[in-house]
Protein backbone atom coordinates (compact mmCIF):
# COMPACT_ATOMS: atom_id res chain seq x y z
CA MET A 1 -29.64 -11.18 13.66
CA PRO A 2 -27.83 -13.19 10.32
CA PRO A 3 -26.71 -11.27 7.19
CA PRO A 4 -29.17 -11.68 4.17
CA PRO A 5 -28.94 -14.90 2.31
CA GLY A 6 -25.93 -14.52 -0.63
CA LEU A 7 -24.51 -11.85 1.57
CA PRO A 8 -20.87 -12.28 3.83
CA SER A 9 -21.14 -10.86 7.29
CA VAL A 10 -19.60 -7.46 8.17
CA ASP A 11 -16.15 -7.72 9.79
CA ALA A 12 -15.24 -5.46 12.30
CA TYR A 13 -13.68 -2.65 11.01
CA ASP A 14 -12.09 1.22 12.07
CA LEU A 15 -12.87 4.15 9.89
CA VAL A 16 -10.63 7.18 9.43
CA ALA A 17 -11.48 10.00 7.71
CA PRO A 18 -10.76 14.06 7.29
CA GLY A 19 -13.77 15.29 9.66
CA THR A 20 -14.54 18.35 6.95
CA VAL A 21 -14.54 18.34 3.44
CA LEU A 22 -15.50 20.84 1.40
CA PHE A 23 -15.71 19.51 -2.20
CA GLY A 24 -16.73 21.17 -5.51
CA PRO A 25 -15.49 24.05 -7.62
CA GLY A 26 -14.97 27.13 -6.02
CA ARG A 27 -14.37 25.86 -2.79
CA PHE A 28 -10.85 26.64 -2.30
CA GLY A 29 -12.84 30.63 -1.75
CA GLU A 30 -13.65 28.82 1.67
CA LEU A 31 -10.13 27.89 2.77
CA GLY A 32 -10.04 31.79 5.17
CA ALA A 33 -13.10 30.32 7.18
CA LEU A 34 -12.07 26.89 7.20
CA VAL A 35 -8.85 27.10 8.69
CA ARG A 36 -9.89 29.85 10.98
CA ARG A 37 -11.83 27.04 12.84
CA PHE A 38 -8.49 25.63 13.88
CA GLY A 39 -6.56 28.59 14.40
CA ARG A 40 -5.40 31.92 14.12
CA ARG A 41 -2.03 31.77 12.75
CA ALA A 42 -1.88 29.33 8.52
CA TRP A 43 1.40 27.84 8.28
CA LEU A 44 1.65 27.54 4.81
CA VAL A 45 3.59 24.37 2.92
CA THR A 46 2.95 24.15 -0.76
CA GLY A 47 5.21 24.81 -4.09
CA THR A 48 5.48 27.22 -6.77
CA ARG A 49 3.13 26.10 -8.98
CA SER A 50 0.77 25.04 -6.39
CA LEU A 51 -0.01 28.47 -5.50
CA ALA A 52 -0.41 29.79 -9.26
CA ALA A 53 -3.22 27.23 -9.00
CA CYS A 54 -4.81 29.14 -6.62
CA GLY A 55 -3.77 32.72 -7.99
CA GLY A 56 -0.46 33.02 -6.90
CA ARG A 57 0.96 33.47 -3.02
CA ALA A 58 -0.29 37.22 -2.73
CA ALA A 59 -4.08 36.09 -3.36
CA VAL A 60 -3.89 33.32 -0.82
CA GLU A 61 -2.15 34.64 1.65
CA GLU A 62 -4.59 37.86 1.44
CA ALA A 63 -7.76 35.54 1.91
CA LEU A 64 -5.89 33.79 4.47
CA VAL A 65 -5.54 37.83 6.38
CA ALA A 66 -9.17 38.53 5.16
CA ALA A 67 -9.97 36.27 7.59
CA GLY A 68 -8.49 37.33 10.17
CA LEU A 69 -5.37 35.18 10.63
CA GLU A 70 -1.62 35.65 10.41
CA PRO A 71 -0.41 33.25 7.08
CA ALA A 72 3.02 32.35 6.45
CA VAL A 73 4.81 29.88 4.15
CA VAL A 74 6.81 27.21 6.68
CA ALA A 75 8.33 24.86 3.74
CA LEU A 76 8.12 24.76 0.05
CA SER A 77 7.38 21.17 -1.75
CA ARG A 78 10.37 20.51 -4.42
CA GLY A 79 9.31 17.38 -5.02
CA GLU A 80 8.57 14.24 -3.00
CA PRO A 81 9.65 15.12 0.59
CA THR A 82 13.05 13.47 1.41
CA VAL A 83 13.94 13.14 5.35
CA ALA A 84 16.60 15.94 4.63
CA ASP A 85 13.43 18.33 3.13
CA VAL A 86 11.41 16.99 6.79
CA ALA A 87 14.42 17.75 8.99
CA GLU A 88 15.19 21.18 7.11
CA ALA A 89 11.57 22.65 7.44
CA LEU A 90 10.94 20.97 11.18
CA ALA A 91 14.32 22.99 12.47
CA SER A 92 12.93 26.40 10.72
CA LEU A 93 9.65 26.39 12.30
CA PRO A 94 9.11 29.03 15.12
CA ALA A 95 9.43 27.64 18.56
CA SER A 96 6.32 29.85 19.74
CA GLY A 97 2.69 30.31 18.39
CA ARG A 98 2.43 26.46 17.83
CA ASP A 99 -0.78 26.12 19.75
CA GLU A 100 -2.89 28.22 17.51
CA ALA A 101 -0.87 27.17 14.41
CA VAL A 102 -2.72 25.38 11.49
CA VAL A 103 -1.12 23.57 8.70
CA VAL A 104 -2.01 24.02 5.58
CA ALA A 105 -1.04 21.88 2.68
CA ILE A 106 -1.09 23.21 -0.47
CA GLY A 107 -0.05 20.80 -3.51
CA GLY A 108 0.16 17.39 -4.82
CA GLY A 109 0.87 14.55 -2.93
CA ALA A 110 3.94 15.38 -2.14
CA ALA A 111 3.23 19.32 -1.10
CA ILE A 112 0.78 17.38 1.51
CA ASP A 113 2.46 14.62 2.64
CA LEU A 114 5.35 16.89 3.70
CA GLY A 115 2.96 19.14 5.51
CA LYS A 116 1.20 16.15 7.35
CA ALA A 117 4.48 15.17 8.38
CA LEU A 118 6.00 18.46 9.63
CA ALA A 119 2.23 19.07 11.68
CA ALA A 120 2.66 15.45 13.47
CA LEU A 121 6.39 16.58 14.14
CA ALA A 122 5.95 19.52 15.57
CA THR A 123 3.87 18.02 18.35
CA ASN A 124 6.20 14.65 18.78
CA VAL A 125 9.79 16.15 18.62
CA PRO A 126 11.14 18.56 21.40
CA VAL A 127 12.05 21.52 20.48
CA GLY A 128 15.54 22.05 21.67
CA ALA A 129 16.33 18.90 19.76
CA VAL A 130 19.00 18.89 17.45
CA ASP A 131 19.52 15.96 14.89
CA PHE A 132 16.48 16.41 12.89
CA GLU A 133 17.13 13.70 10.37
CA GLN A 134 17.23 11.39 12.86
CA GLN A 135 13.92 12.32 14.63
CA VAL A 136 12.51 11.71 11.21
CA ILE A 137 14.07 8.82 10.59
CA ASP A 138 13.19 7.48 14.12
CA ARG A 139 9.55 7.96 13.22
CA LEU A 140 9.80 6.32 9.48
CA GLU A 141 8.37 2.24 9.45
CA GLY A 142 10.99 -0.11 9.36
CA VAL A 143 13.88 1.90 10.04
CA GLY A 144 15.36 3.97 12.83
CA LEU A 145 13.90 3.38 16.74
CA GLY A 146 10.18 2.78 15.28
CA LEU A 147 8.95 5.96 17.82
CA ALA A 148 5.05 6.38 17.22
CA ILE A 149 3.01 9.78 16.10
CA ASP A 150 1.25 9.37 19.80
CA VAL A 151 0.49 13.15 20.21
CA PRO A 152 -1.85 14.82 18.18
CA PRO A 153 -0.32 16.33 15.03
CA LEU A 154 -0.59 19.82 14.57
CA PRO A 155 -4.42 20.51 12.56
CA VAL A 156 -4.10 19.89 8.66
CA VAL A 157 -5.84 21.81 6.42
CA ALA A 158 -5.07 20.04 2.67
CA VAL A 159 -5.43 21.61 -0.12
CA PRO A 160 -5.26 18.95 -3.83
CA THR A 161 -4.18 20.83 -6.93
CA THR A 162 -3.84 17.18 -8.24
CA ALA A 163 -6.36 14.24 -8.57
CA GLY A 164 -4.34 11.22 -7.94
CA THR A 165 -2.58 10.65 -4.34
CA GLY A 166 -5.87 11.32 -1.93
CA ALA A 167 -3.13 12.11 0.24
CA GLU A 168 -5.86 14.65 1.54
CA ALA A 169 -7.39 11.63 2.84
CA THR A 170 -4.43 9.41 4.05
CA ARG A 171 -3.62 8.50 7.35
CA ASN A 172 0.63 8.26 6.07
CA ALA A 173 3.23 10.38 4.82
CA VAL A 174 5.52 9.22 2.04
CA ILE A 175 9.29 10.11 2.84
CA SER A 176 12.07 8.85 0.97
CA CYS A 177 15.87 9.15 1.81
CA PRO A 178 18.08 9.02 -1.97
CA HIS A 179 21.10 8.02 0.38
CA ARG A 180 20.24 5.58 2.66
CA ARG A 181 17.62 3.95 -0.65
CA LEU A 182 14.58 3.81 0.79
CA LYS A 183 11.14 5.44 0.71
CA LYS A 184 9.10 4.71 4.23
CA SER A 185 5.99 6.23 5.54
CA MET A 186 5.12 7.98 8.86
CA ARG A 187 2.27 6.56 9.42
CA SER A 188 -1.11 7.14 12.49
CA PRO A 189 -4.36 7.22 12.51
CA LEU A 190 -3.93 11.01 14.09
CA MET A 191 -2.22 12.09 10.16
CA VAL A 192 -5.67 12.06 9.03
CA PRO A 193 -6.14 15.56 7.66
CA ARG A 194 -8.58 17.54 10.44
CA ALA A 195 -9.93 19.05 6.98
CA ALA A 196 -9.92 18.81 3.06
CA ILE A 197 -10.72 21.53 0.68
CA VAL A 198 -11.31 19.26 -2.77
CA ASP A 199 -11.69 22.22 -5.54
CA PRO A 200 -11.78 20.21 -9.02
CA ALA A 201 -10.82 23.73 -10.19
CA LEU A 202 -7.33 23.91 -9.04
CA THR A 203 -6.65 20.80 -11.04
CA ARG A 204 -7.33 22.17 -14.91
CA SER A 205 -3.73 23.45 -14.52
CA CYS A 206 -1.85 19.95 -14.66
CA ASP A 207 -0.42 19.64 -17.81
CA ARG A 208 -1.55 16.29 -19.56
CA MET A 209 1.41 13.57 -18.19
CA VAL A 210 0.06 15.24 -14.08
CA THR A 211 -2.70 13.96 -15.52
CA ALA A 212 -2.42 10.62 -16.89
CA SER A 213 0.42 9.60 -14.07
CA SER A 214 -2.00 11.15 -11.57
CA GLY A 215 -5.28 9.64 -12.83
CA LEU A 216 -3.86 6.55 -12.93
CA ASP A 217 -2.15 6.04 -9.54
CA CYS A 218 -6.19 6.88 -8.10
CA ILE A 219 -7.31 4.07 -10.42
CA THR A 220 -4.30 1.55 -9.17
CA GLN A 221 -5.68 3.16 -5.66
CA LEU A 222 -9.45 2.15 -5.94
CA VAL A 223 -8.38 -1.00 -7.45
CA GLU A 224 -5.84 -2.67 -5.23
CA SER A 225 -8.17 -1.34 -2.10
CA PHE A 226 -10.47 -3.17 -3.42
CA VAL A 227 -8.93 -6.24 -3.44
CA CYS A 228 -6.36 -6.46 -1.00
CA ARG A 229 -6.35 -9.01 1.87
CA ARG A 230 -7.19 -6.00 4.01
CA ARG A 231 -10.09 -5.29 2.56
CA ALA A 232 -13.35 -3.63 3.67
CA VAL A 233 -16.97 -3.35 3.26
CA ILE A 234 -17.45 0.62 3.56
CA PRO A 235 -14.13 1.25 1.22
CA ARG A 236 -15.40 -1.31 -1.59
CA ALA A 237 -18.46 0.80 -1.66
CA LEU A 238 -17.06 3.50 -2.34
CA VAL A 239 -14.78 2.02 -4.91
CA LEU A 240 -17.82 0.59 -6.78
CA ASP A 241 -19.28 4.33 -7.25
CA ALA A 242 -15.90 6.33 -7.88
CA LEU A 243 -13.99 3.44 -10.05
CA PRO A 244 -16.32 3.62 -13.16
CA ARG A 245 -16.35 7.81 -12.86
CA ALA A 246 -12.20 7.83 -13.01
CA MET A 247 -12.35 5.08 -16.10
CA ALA A 248 -14.55 7.16 -17.93
CA ALA A 249 -13.06 10.88 -17.17
CA LEU A 250 -8.97 10.11 -17.16
CA PRO A 251 -9.73 9.79 -21.82
CA ARG A 252 -11.71 13.12 -21.39
CA ALA A 253 -9.58 15.51 -18.80
CA LEU A 254 -6.82 14.37 -21.20
CA VAL A 255 -8.26 15.21 -24.52
CA GLU A 256 -10.02 18.55 -23.12
CA PRO A 257 -7.89 20.11 -19.77
CA ASP A 258 -10.61 22.42 -18.98
CA ASP A 259 -13.73 19.99 -18.90
CA LEU A 260 -14.24 20.88 -15.21
CA ASP A 261 -16.88 17.76 -15.00
CA ALA A 262 -14.05 15.33 -16.32
CA ARG A 263 -11.74 16.83 -13.54
CA ALA A 264 -14.61 16.69 -11.26
CA SER A 265 -15.25 12.82 -11.17
CA MET A 266 -11.20 12.75 -10.96
CA SER A 267 -11.19 14.51 -7.91
CA HIS A 268 -13.98 12.50 -6.18
CA ALA A 269 -12.27 9.57 -7.51
CA ALA A 270 -8.60 10.86 -6.01
CA PHE A 271 -10.66 11.53 -2.72
CA ILE A 272 -11.99 8.48 -2.60
CA SER A 273 -8.98 6.18 -3.61
CA GLY A 274 -7.22 8.00 -0.43
CA MET A 275 -10.07 7.35 1.97
CA ALA A 276 -10.25 3.67 0.72
CA LEU A 277 -6.28 2.93 1.15
CA ALA A 278 -6.70 4.40 4.05
CA ASN A 279 -8.87 2.13 5.87
CA SER A 280 -8.20 -1.01 3.09
CA GLY A 281 -4.90 -1.11 2.53
CA LEU A 282 -3.38 -1.67 -1.31
CA GLY A 283 -0.85 -4.68 -3.10
CA MET A 284 1.77 -5.55 -5.08
CA ALA A 285 1.34 -2.03 -8.03
CA HIS A 286 2.15 0.17 -4.96
CA GLY A 287 4.90 -2.37 -3.66
CA VAL A 288 6.82 -2.04 -6.53
CA ALA A 289 6.33 1.55 -6.99
CA ALA A 290 7.87 2.33 -4.14
CA ALA A 291 11.33 0.46 -4.92
CA LEU A 292 11.30 1.81 -8.41
CA GLY A 293 10.82 5.70 -6.81
CA VAL A 294 14.21 4.44 -4.83
CA GLU A 295 16.11 2.86 -7.72
CA CYS A 296 15.64 4.94 -10.80
CA GLY A 297 13.89 7.95 -9.77
CA ALA A 298 10.52 6.94 -11.53
CA PRO A 299 7.81 9.07 -10.41
CA HIS A 300 5.11 7.40 -8.57
CA GLY A 301 2.15 7.90 -10.48
CA LEU A 302 4.12 6.27 -14.02
CA ALA A 303 5.64 3.30 -11.55
CA CYS A 304 1.96 3.02 -10.53
CA ALA A 305 0.82 3.52 -13.94
CA THR A 306 3.27 0.74 -15.26
CA MET A 307 2.95 -1.74 -12.63
CA LEU A 308 -0.92 -1.90 -12.55
CA PRO A 309 -1.43 -3.91 -15.45
CA VAL A 310 0.93 -6.98 -14.44
CA ALA A 311 -0.87 -6.84 -10.67
CA LEU A 312 -3.64 -7.30 -12.39
CA ARG A 313 -2.66 -10.24 -14.40
CA VAL A 314 -0.78 -11.68 -11.29
CA ASN A 315 -4.28 -11.33 -9.08
CA ARG A 316 -6.45 -12.38 -11.80
CA THR A 317 -7.10 -15.76 -10.68
CA ALA A 318 -7.11 -14.96 -7.21
CA CYS A 319 -9.39 -11.73 -7.98
CA ARG A 320 -11.82 -12.90 -10.37
CA ASP A 321 -14.82 -12.62 -8.95
CA ASP A 322 -13.93 -8.72 -8.04
CA PHE A 323 -12.68 -7.89 -11.45
CA ALA A 324 -15.64 -9.13 -12.71
CA LEU A 325 -17.89 -7.11 -10.10
CA LEU A 326 -15.27 -3.81 -11.34
CA GLU A 327 -15.91 -4.77 -14.80
CA ARG A 328 -19.89 -4.55 -14.56
CA ALA A 329 -19.82 -1.62 -12.05
CA CYS A 330 -17.85 0.30 -15.24
CA ASP A 331 -20.00 -0.90 -17.91
CA PRO A 332 -23.41 -2.71 -16.73
CA HIS A 333 -24.23 -4.79 -20.34
CA ALA A 334 -20.89 -6.81 -19.09
CA ALA A 335 -21.32 -10.42 -19.40
CA GLY A 336 -22.69 -12.20 -16.96
CA ASP A 337 -19.73 -14.49 -16.41
CA ALA A 338 -16.58 -14.15 -14.47
CA GLU A 339 -14.07 -15.40 -15.96
CA THR A 340 -15.11 -13.16 -19.45
CA ALA A 341 -15.45 -9.92 -17.49
CA ALA A 342 -12.41 -10.62 -14.90
CA ASP A 343 -10.51 -10.53 -18.66
CA ALA A 344 -12.85 -7.58 -19.76
CA PHE A 345 -11.94 -5.61 -16.94
CA ILE A 346 -8.11 -6.09 -16.82
CA ALA A 347 -8.20 -4.99 -21.17
CA ARG A 348 -10.18 -2.21 -20.10
CA VAL A 349 -7.21 -0.88 -17.63
CA ASP A 350 -4.24 -1.79 -20.30
CA ALA A 351 -6.20 0.04 -22.67
CA LEU A 352 -6.48 2.88 -20.68
CA CYS A 353 -3.26 3.07 -19.67
CA GLY A 354 -2.57 3.04 -23.70
CA VAL A 355 -4.75 6.51 -24.26
CA ALA A 356 -2.52 7.80 -21.26
CA GLY A 357 0.58 6.91 -23.19
CA THR A 358 1.75 6.03 -19.51
CA PRO A 359 5.07 4.09 -19.72
CA ARG A 360 4.36 0.05 -20.54
CA ARG A 361 7.74 -1.39 -19.37
CA LEU A 362 10.29 -1.26 -16.89
CA ALA A 363 12.93 -0.33 -19.52
CA ASP A 364 10.73 2.94 -20.21
CA LEU A 365 11.03 3.50 -16.54
CA GLY A 366 14.91 4.39 -17.42
CA VAL A 367 15.10 0.37 -15.06
CA ASP A 368 18.75 -1.11 -15.51
CA ARG A 369 17.98 -5.24 -16.45
CA SER A 370 21.20 -5.85 -13.99
CA ARG A 371 18.84 -4.40 -10.99
CA ILE A 372 15.87 -6.62 -11.31
CA GLY A 373 17.18 -8.99 -8.44
CA TRP A 374 17.00 -5.56 -6.24
CA LEU A 375 13.45 -4.58 -7.23
CA ALA A 376 12.74 -7.91 -6.43
CA ALA A 377 14.09 -7.82 -3.03
CA ASN A 378 12.87 -4.91 -1.77
CA SER A 379 9.51 -4.73 -2.98
CA GLY A 380 8.72 -5.48 0.44
CA GLY A 381 6.38 -3.62 2.74
CA ALA A 382 2.84 -2.53 3.47
CA SER A 383 1.64 -2.23 0.31
CA MET A 384 3.27 -5.45 -0.67
CA ARG A 385 1.77 -7.51 2.17
CA GLY A 386 -2.13 -6.64 1.26
CA ASN A 387 -1.73 -8.18 -2.38
CA PRO A 388 -4.16 -10.84 -2.68
CA VAL A 389 -1.85 -13.49 -3.95
CA GLU A 390 1.33 -13.71 -1.41
CA LEU A 391 4.53 -13.69 -3.46
CA SER A 392 7.82 -13.88 -2.96
CA ALA A 393 11.03 -12.27 -3.43
CA ASP A 394 11.60 -15.17 -6.05
CA ASP A 395 8.39 -14.66 -7.45
CA LEU A 396 8.64 -11.11 -7.94
CA LEU A 397 11.65 -11.61 -9.57
CA GLY A 398 10.14 -14.01 -12.37
CA ILE A 399 7.04 -11.34 -12.35
CA LEU A 400 9.45 -8.61 -13.05
CA GLU A 401 11.74 -10.26 -15.43
CA ARG A 402 8.56 -11.12 -17.70
CA ALA A 403 7.53 -7.43 -17.65
CA TYR A 404 11.17 -5.66 -18.46
């Protein structure tokens, strides 16, 4: 049967998502019962601040014990995970009891990515392996041997304490290696967490800059997944609901950190952004953000916030109708013609970045002008391949020079 008049046909697609999602304030209290569905040992991957947001390590462990679980902290997140971090955690995992282990990843995207990588490698790397760093490298995209994650990972229960990356819904873990100067993904549909608890109350401990940078990371993911070359129908429908909520909620969360309604809107949008990128893709802003993280250590959210307005202007002509659609979702009274509405959407995002106080130019991130050429040459990868407009290294060089 043909589609209704005016609607395009629906292309074939795959859809991956956590099997169980518990969303809402207070849902963290259900952690023990949820984890108990998947195993008997709770292997915690988290950070000190993340545990504080959940009431402290003792409170978390007591809740797990009360559910009949054996908790143990197996890795502490110290920021965006590196190859060395993952290798160290992998080497220290208990050799026995893995068949009953559940990785409970609590924290921001870094902690959740570390947990997902550890869960995948625990079942895909032989217990007797010796060179754990090489085992990690060999499973990153575009480096090493390119080994696949083909054995199902340990079950992962993800609990985000920030509202940004959507790592609780994605199929990859971003891992960097400073001395090799790379930032790559370990990726497999098998790496999507089995379950997630998205409790907005846990994000109230985030300071203003974390709220701003993670929020703009979320918004970047929503926009880029909506327009990327691999965009798919279900993620686009979800973005049209989540993006207007995030655009309205982020300024409120920045002014009033305890505004739970605003926090809930951001947590919902972050989860949807993870689902959207996992099932569609991203674009130029994320492609450059990864290289910025390698070059100058720019936090991912701040790098995305800096590059999003640039990427919108680069893709303006190709994405006019989609940008107009997003503007009308944010403002039902937006101009009827696509040209005006698209420009209004770009201005809306640019104004939000100004309110957030995130860096506006590459120089503000600490980039040395002499390194622009390196950034242009090293901003490839899956994200850049998804950008609506194909960009050569020379094209990107000019764009980044103007953004300096």
